[in-house]
Amino acid sequence: MFEMMIWAGTGLTLLGIGGLIWCVLRANRIRRDGLKDEELRAALMAILPYNLGSLLLSAVGLILVVIGIMLG
């Protein structure tokens, strides 16, 4: 059971890290587009929920891994 918790946590962590990498790549692409200040700010603010969600997903995955290791 705890082994399954560790693998589920690993999957969630990798999914969260993938989301964070996507956010970085998207932000770099937006910056290279040469938008005006307000447009740039609005475009980057649109990425913020995805960034925070990915960070949360990664943190929850790491918590599951740690709990699975401690209890297993």
PDB file of N, CA and C in Angstrom:
ATOM      1  N   MET A   1       0.815  -1.195   0.000  1.00  0.00           N
ATOM      2  CA  MET A   1       0.000   0.000   0.000  1.00  0.00           C
ATOM      3  C   MET A   1       0.860   1.260   0.000  1.00  0.00           C
ATOM      4  N   PHE A   2       1.898   1.275   0.837  1.00  0.00           N
ATOM      5  CA  PHE A   2       2.733   2.467   0.923  1.00  0.00           C
ATOM      6  C   PHE A   2       3.582   2.635  -0.332  1.00  0.00           C
ATOM      7  N   GLU A   3       3.915   1.510  -0.958  1.00  0.00           N
ATOM      8  CA  GLU A   3       4.655   1.592  -2.216  1.00  0.00           C
ATOM      9  C   GLU A   3       3.812   2.279  -3.284  1.00  0.00           C
ATOM     10  N   MET A   4       2.509   1.989  -3.290  1.00  0.00           N
ATOM     11  CA  MET A   4       1.615   2.636  -4.233  1.00  0.00           C
ATOM     12  C   MET A   4       1.515   4.137  -3.942  1.00  0.00           C
ATOM     13  N   MET A   5       1.543   4.499  -2.675  1.00  0.00           N
ATOM     14  CA  MET A   5       1.510   5.910  -2.292  1.00  0.00           C
ATOM     15  C   MET A   5       2.769   6.628  -2.792  1.00  0.00           C
ATOM     16  N   ILE A   6       3.910   5.958  -2.695  1.00  0.00           N
ATOM     17  CA  ILE A   6       5.168   6.546  -3.165  1.00  0.00           C
ATOM     18  C   ILE A   6       5.122   6.753  -4.672  1.00  0.00           C
ATOM     19  N   TRP A   7       4.645   5.757  -5.413  1.00  0.00           N
ATOM     20  CA  TRP A   7       4.595   5.890  -6.868  1.00  0.00           C
ATOM     21  C   TRP A   7       3.568   6.931  -7.306  1.00  0.00           C
ATOM     22  N   ALA A   8       2.445   7.011  -6.617  1.00  0.00           N
ATOM     23  CA  ALA A   8       1.450   8.046  -6.942  1.00  0.00           C
ATOM     24  C   ALA A   8       2.024   9.432  -6.667  1.00  0.00           C
ATOM     25  N   GLY A   9       2.731   9.573  -5.561  1.00  0.00           N
ATOM     26  CA  GLY A   9       3.368  10.849  -5.247  1.00  0.00           C
ATOM     27  C   GLY A   9       4.432  11.219  -6.257  1.00  0.00           C
ATOM     28  N   THR A  10       5.176  10.224  -6.716  1.00  0.00           N
ATOM     29  CA  THR A  10       6.197  10.476  -7.742  1.00  0.00           C
ATOM     30  C   THR A  10       5.548  10.949  -9.034  1.00  0.00           C
ATOM     31  N   GLY A  11       4.441  10.324  -9.398  1.00  0.00           N
ATOM     32  CA  GLY A  11       3.722  10.736 -10.604  1.00  0.00           C
ATOM     33  C   GLY A  11       3.198  12.158 -10.500  1.00  0.00           C
ATOM     34  N   LEU A  12       2.620  12.488  -9.354  1.00  0.00           N
ATOM     35  CA  LEU A  12       2.121  13.846  -9.157  1.00  0.00           C
ATOM     36  C   LEU A  12       3.256  14.863  -9.183  1.00  0.00           C
ATOM     37  N   THR A  13       4.372  14.521  -8.578  1.00  0.00           N
ATOM     38  CA  THR A  13       5.520  15.425  -8.573  1.00  0.00           C
ATOM     39  C   THR A  13       6.029  15.663  -9.985  1.00  0.00           C
ATOM     40  N   LEU A  14       6.156  14.602 -10.770  1.00  0.00           N
ATOM     41  CA  LEU A  14       6.622  14.752 -12.142  1.00  0.00           C
ATOM     42  C   LEU A  14       5.639  15.551 -12.992  1.00  0.00           C
ATOM     43  N   LEU A  15       4.354  15.349 -12.748  1.00  0.00           N
ATOM     44  CA  LEU A  15       3.343  16.117 -13.459  1.00  0.00           C
ATOM     45  C   LEU A  15       3.451  17.597 -13.106  1.00  0.00           C
ATOM     46  N   GLY A  16       3.649  17.891 -11.829  1.00  0.00           N
ATOM     47  CA  GLY A  16       3.816  19.276 -11.394  1.00  0.00           C
ATOM     48  C   GLY A  16       5.068  19.917 -11.958  1.00  0.00           C
ATOM     49  N   ILE A  17       6.168  19.173 -11.991  1.00  0.00           N
ATOM     50  CA  ILE A  17       7.407  19.706 -12.563  1.00  0.00           C
ATOM     51  C   ILE A  17       7.232  19.954 -14.064  1.00  0.00           C
ATOM     52  N   GLY A  18       6.529  19.064 -14.723  1.00  0.00           N
ATOM     53  CA  GLY A  18       6.235  19.283 -16.144  1.00  0.00           C
ATOM     54  C   GLY A  18       5.425  20.552 -16.360  1.00  0.00           C
ATOM     55  N   GLY A  19       4.461  20.797 -15.484  1.00  0.00           N
ATOM     56  CA  GLY A  19       3.678  22.032 -15.571  1.00  0.00           C
ATOM     57  C   GLY A  19       4.524  23.269 -15.324  1.00  0.00           C
ATOM     58  N   LEU A  20       5.449  23.182 -14.389  1.00  0.00           N
ATOM     59  CA  LEU A  20       6.336  24.315 -14.129  1.00  0.00           C
ATOM     60  C   LEU A  20       7.246  24.590 -15.326  1.00  0.00           C
ATOM     61  N   ILE A  21       7.743  23.534 -15.947  1.00  0.00           N
ATOM     62  CA  ILE A  21       8.578  23.717 -17.139  1.00  0.00           C
ATOM     63  C   ILE A  21       7.760  24.345 -18.260  1.00  0.00           C
ATOM     64  N   TRP A  22       6.517  23.920 -18.419  1.00  0.00           N
ATOM     65  CA  TRP A  22       5.647  24.511 -19.432  1.00  0.00           C
ATOM     66  C   TRP A  22       5.448  26.000 -19.161  1.00  0.00           C
ATOM     67  N   CYS A  23       5.256  26.366 -17.897  1.00  0.00           N
ATOM     68  CA  CYS A  23       5.064  27.780 -17.549  1.00  0.00           C
ATOM     69  C   CYS A  23       6.298  28.604 -17.894  1.00  0.00           C
ATOM     70  N   VAL A  24       7.480  28.080 -17.621  1.00  0.00           N
ATOM     71  CA  VAL A  24       8.716  28.797 -17.933  1.00  0.00           C
ATOM     72  C   VAL A  24       8.856  28.976 -19.439  1.00  0.00           C
ATOM     73  N   LEU A  25       8.611  27.907 -20.194  1.00  0.00           N
ATOM     74  CA  LEU A  25       8.726  27.998 -21.649  1.00  0.00           C
ATOM     75  C   LEU A  25       7.703  28.967 -22.232  1.00  0.00           C
ATOM     76  N   ARG A  26       6.507  28.934 -21.705  1.00  0.00           N
ATOM     77  CA  ARG A  26       5.453  29.843 -22.179  1.00  0.00           C
ATOM     78  C   ARG A  26       5.794  31.292 -21.859  1.00  0.00           C
ATOM     79  N   ALA A  27       6.317  31.546 -20.665  1.00  0.00           N
ATOM     80  CA  ALA A  27       6.685  32.911 -20.286  1.00  0.00           C
ATOM     81  C   ALA A  27       7.829  33.427 -21.160  1.00  0.00           C
ATOM     82  N   ASN A  28       8.793  32.588 -21.465  1.00  0.00           N
ATOM     83  CA  ASN A  28       9.882  32.998 -22.361  1.00  0.00           C
ATOM     84  C   ASN A  28       9.362  33.319 -23.755  1.00  0.00           C
ATOM     85  N   ARG A  29       8.433  32.519 -24.230  1.00  0.00           N
ATOM     86  CA  ARG A  29       7.848  32.771 -25.548  1.00  0.00           C
ATOM     87  C   ARG A  29       7.088  34.099 -25.559  1.00  0.00           C
ATOM     88  N   ILE A  30       6.368  34.384 -24.481  1.00  0.00           N
ATOM     89  CA  ILE A  30       5.618  35.632 -24.400  1.00  0.00           C
ATOM     90  C   ILE A  30       6.570  36.823 -24.364  1.00  0.00           C
ATOM     91  N   ARG A  31       7.657  36.705 -23.629  1.00  0.00           N
ATOM     92  CA  ARG A  31       8.619  37.807 -23.548  1.00  0.00           C
ATOM     93  C   ARG A  31       9.286  38.074 -24.894  1.00  0.00           C
ATOM     94  N   ARG A  32       9.531  37.037 -25.675  1.00  0.00           N
ATOM     95  CA  ARG A  32      10.164  37.206 -26.979  1.00  0.00           C
ATOM     96  C   ARG A  32       9.230  37.810 -28.018  1.00  0.00           C
ATOM     97  N   ASP A  33       7.916  37.775 -27.748  1.00  0.00           N
ATOM     98  CA  ASP A  33       6.955  38.307 -28.718  1.00  0.00           C
ATOM     99  C   ASP A  33       7.019  39.822 -28.843  1.00  0.00           C
ATOM    100  N   GLY A  34       7.652  40.493 -27.902  1.00  0.00           N
ATOM    101  CA  GLY A  34       7.797  41.946 -27.979  1.00  0.00           C
ATOM    102  C   GLY A  34       6.498  42.701 -27.737  1.00  0.00           C
ATOM    103  N   LEU A  35       5.729  42.275 -26.775  1.00  0.00           N
ATOM    104  CA  LEU A  35       4.477  42.949 -26.457  1.00  0.00           C
ATOM    105  C   LEU A  35       4.736  44.229 -25.675  1.00  0.00           C
ATOM    106  N   LYS A  36       3.739  45.090 -25.665  1.00  0.00           N
ATOM    107  CA  LYS A  36       3.827  46.300 -24.853  1.00  0.00           C
ATOM    108  C   LYS A  36       3.711  45.914 -23.384  1.00  0.00           C
ATOM    109  N   ASP A  37       4.015  46.858 -22.513  1.00  0.00           N
ATOM    110  CA  ASP A  37       4.096  46.571 -21.083  1.00  0.00           C
ATOM    111  C   ASP A  37       2.789  46.004 -20.526  1.00  0.00           C
ATOM    112  N   GLU A  38       1.673  46.629 -20.832  1.00  0.00           N
ATOM    113  CA  GLU A  38       0.383  46.169 -20.303  1.00  0.00           C
ATOM    114  C   GLU A  38      -0.005  44.812 -20.875  1.00  0.00           C
ATOM    115  N   GLU A  39       0.250  44.603 -22.167  1.00  0.00           N
ATOM    116  CA  GLU A  39      -0.065  43.311 -22.784  1.00  0.00           C
ATOM    117  C   GLU A  39       0.820  42.208 -22.216  1.00  0.00           C
ATOM    118  N   LEU A  40       2.092  42.531 -22.000  1.00  0.00           N
ATOM    119  CA  LEU A  40       3.027  41.572 -21.419  1.00  0.00           C
ATOM    120  C   LEU A  40       2.592  41.186 -20.012  1.00  0.00           C
ATOM    121  N   ARG A  41       2.222  42.182 -19.235  1.00  0.00           N
ATOM    122  CA  ARG A  41       1.774  41.939 -17.858  1.00  0.00           C
ATOM    123  C   ARG A  41       0.507  41.071 -17.839  1.00  0.00           C
ATOM    124  N   ALA A  42      -0.431  41.348 -18.717  1.00  0.00           N
ATOM    125  CA  ALA A  42      -1.680  40.570 -18.770  1.00  0.00           C
ATOM    126  C   ALA A  42      -1.414  39.130 -19.202  1.00  0.00           C
ATOM    127  N   ALA A  43      -0.519  38.954 -20.167  1.00  0.00           N
ATOM    128  CA  ALA A  43      -0.212  37.604 -20.646  1.00  0.00           C
ATOM    129  C   ALA A  43       0.497  36.793 -19.566  1.00  0.00           C
ATOM    130  N   LEU A  44       1.422  37.429 -18.843  1.00  0.00           N
ATOM    131  CA  LEU A  44       2.118  36.716 -17.773  1.00  0.00           C
ATOM    132  C   LEU A  44       1.186  36.422 -16.598  1.00  0.00           C
ATOM    133  N   MET A  45       0.253  37.315 -16.336  1.00  0.00           N
ATOM    134  CA  MET A  45      -0.712  37.069 -15.259  1.00  0.00           C
ATOM    135  C   MET A  45      -1.648  35.909 -15.603  1.00  0.00           C
ATOM    136  N   ALA A  46      -1.864  35.672 -16.883  1.00  0.00           N
ATOM    137  CA  ALA A  46      -2.712  34.555 -17.292  1.00  0.00           C
ATOM    138  C   ALA A  46      -2.035  33.213 -17.011  1.00  0.00           C
ATOM    139  N   ILE A  47      -0.707  33.198 -16.952  1.00  0.00           N
ATOM    140  CA  ILE A  47       0.029  31.968 -16.679  1.00  0.00           C
ATOM    141  C   ILE A  47       0.075  31.670 -15.176  1.00  0.00           C
ATOM    142  N   LEU A  48      -0.093  32.683 -14.356  1.00  0.00           N
ATOM    143  CA  LEU A  48       0.071  32.544 -12.908  1.00  0.00           C
ATOM    144  C   LEU A  48      -0.756  31.418 -12.282  1.00  0.00           C
ATOM    145  N   PRO A  49      -2.040  31.252 -12.603  1.00  0.00           N
ATOM    146  CA  PRO A  49      -2.790  30.137 -11.990  1.00  0.00           C
ATOM    147  C   PRO A  49      -2.210  28.761 -12.334  1.00  0.00           C
ATOM    148  N   TYR A  50      -1.729  28.604 -13.566  1.00  0.00           N
ATOM    149  CA  TYR A  50      -1.115  27.333 -13.950  1.00  0.00           C
ATOM    150  C   TYR A  50       0.179  27.103 -13.178  1.00  0.00           C
ATOM    151  N   ASN A  51       0.934  28.170 -12.979  1.00  0.00           N
ATOM    152  CA  ASN A  51       2.181  28.075 -12.237  1.00  0.00           C
ATOM    153  C   ASN A  51       1.914  27.661 -10.789  1.00  0.00           C
ATOM    154  N   LEU A  52       0.961  28.315 -10.153  1.00  0.00           N
ATOM    155  CA  LEU A  52       0.648  27.984  -8.765  1.00  0.00           C
ATOM    156  C   LEU A  52       0.046  26.585  -8.637  1.00  0.00           C
ATOM    157  N   GLY A  53      -0.787  26.207  -9.592  1.00  0.00           N
ATOM    158  CA  GLY A  53      -1.356  24.864  -9.579  1.00  0.00           C
ATOM    159  C   GLY A  53      -0.298  23.786  -9.750  1.00  0.00           C
ATOM    160  N   SER A  54       0.653  24.032 -10.629  1.00  0.00           N
ATOM    161  CA  SER A  54       1.743  23.077 -10.822  1.00  0.00           C
ATOM    162  C   SER A  54       2.604  22.966  -9.580  1.00  0.00           C
ATOM    163  N   LEU A  55       2.864  24.097  -8.947  1.00  0.00           N
ATOM    164  CA  LEU A  55       3.645  24.098  -7.715  1.00  0.00           C
ATOM    165  C   LEU A  55       2.922  23.324  -6.613  1.00  0.00           C
ATOM    166  N   LEU A  56       1.620  23.532  -6.495  1.00  0.00           N
ATOM    167  CA  LEU A  56       0.832  22.813  -5.493  1.00  0.00           C
ATOM    168  C   LEU A  56       0.825  21.317  -5.776  1.00  0.00           C
ATOM    169  N   LEU A  57       0.648  20.948  -7.031  1.00  0.00           N
ATOM    170  CA  LEU A  57       0.629  19.535  -7.410  1.00  0.00           C
ATOM    171  C   LEU A  57       1.962  18.869  -7.093  1.00  0.00           C
ATOM    172  N   SER A  58       3.040  19.562  -7.376  1.00  0.00           N
ATOM    173  CA  SER A  58       4.365  19.029  -7.084  1.00  0.00           C
ATOM    174  C   SER A  58       4.578  18.884  -5.576  1.00  0.00           C
ATOM    175  N   ALA A  59       4.134  19.859  -4.810  1.00  0.00           N
ATOM    176  CA  ALA A  59       4.295  19.797  -3.356  1.00  0.00           C
ATOM    177  C   ALA A  59       3.474  18.660  -2.753  1.00  0.00           C
ATOM    178  N   VAL A  60       2.254  18.476  -3.229  1.00  0.00           N
ATOM    179  CA  VAL A  60       1.413  17.383  -2.728  1.00  0.00           C
ATOM    180  C   VAL A  60       2.052  16.039  -3.062  1.00  0.00           C
ATOM    181  N   GLY A  61       2.605  15.935  -4.255  1.00  0.00           N
ATOM    182  CA  GLY A  61       3.285  14.700  -4.631  1.00  0.00           C
ATOM    183  C   GLY A  61       4.474  14.410  -3.735  1.00  0.00           C
ATOM    184  N   LEU A  62       5.262  15.432  -3.436  1.00  0.00           N
ATOM    185  CA  LEU A  62       6.410  15.236  -2.553  1.00  0.00           C
ATOM    186  C   LEU A  62       5.975  14.862  -1.141  1.00  0.00           C
ATOM    187  N   ILE A  63       4.877  15.441  -0.687  1.00  0.00           N
ATOM    188  CA  ILE A  63       4.353  15.089   0.643  1.00  0.00           C
ATOM    189  C   ILE A  63       3.938  13.614   0.662  1.00  0.00           C
ATOM    190  N   LEU A  64       3.277  13.157  -0.407  1.00  0.00           N
ATOM    191  CA  LEU A  64       2.885  11.748  -0.482  1.00  0.00           C
ATOM    192  C   LEU A  64       4.106  10.832  -0.475  1.00  0.00           C
ATOM    193  N   VAL A  65       5.151  11.219  -1.180  1.00  0.00           N
ATOM    194  CA  VAL A  65       6.366  10.397  -1.208  1.00  0.00           C
ATOM    195  C   VAL A  65       6.976  10.315   0.190  1.00  0.00           C
ATOM    196  N   VAL A  66       7.083  11.440   0.854  1.00  0.00           N
ATOM    197  CA  VAL A  66       7.685  11.456   2.186  1.00  0.00           C
ATOM    198  C   VAL A  66       6.853  10.635   3.193  1.00  0.00           C
ATOM    199  N   ILE A  67       5.544  10.798   3.150  1.00  0.00           N
ATOM    200  CA  ILE A  67       4.677  10.033   4.052  1.00  0.00           C
ATOM    201  C   ILE A  67       4.776   8.544   3.748  1.00  0.00           C
ATOM    202  N   GLY A  68       4.789   8.195   2.455  1.00  0.00           N
ATOM    203  CA  GLY A  68       4.914   6.784   2.083  1.00  0.00           C
ATOM    204  C   GLY A  68       6.227   6.182   2.549  1.00  0.00           C
ATOM    205  N   ILE A  69       7.312   6.948   2.481  1.00  0.00           N
ATOM    206  CA  ILE A  69       8.609   6.448   2.934  1.00  0.00           C
ATOM    207  C   ILE A  69       8.625   6.313   4.453  1.00  0.00           C
ATOM    208  N   MET A  70       8.083   7.300   5.145  1.00  0.00           N
ATOM    209  CA  MET A  70       8.093   7.264   6.611  1.00  0.00           C
ATOM    210  C   MET A  70       7.232   6.136   7.167  1.00  0.00           C
ATOM    211  N   LEU A  71       6.085   5.893   6.564  1.00  0.00           N
ATOM    212  CA  LEU A  71       5.186   4.860   7.083  1.00  0.00           C
ATOM    213  C   LEU A  71       5.548   3.476   6.567  1.00  0.00           C
ATOM    214  N   GLY A  72       6.236   3.420   5.439  1.00  0.00           N
ATOM    215  CA  GLY A  72       6.566   2.130   4.840  1.00  0.00           C
ATOM    216  C   GLY A  72       7.832   1.624   5.376  1.00  0.00           C
TER     217      GLY A  72
END
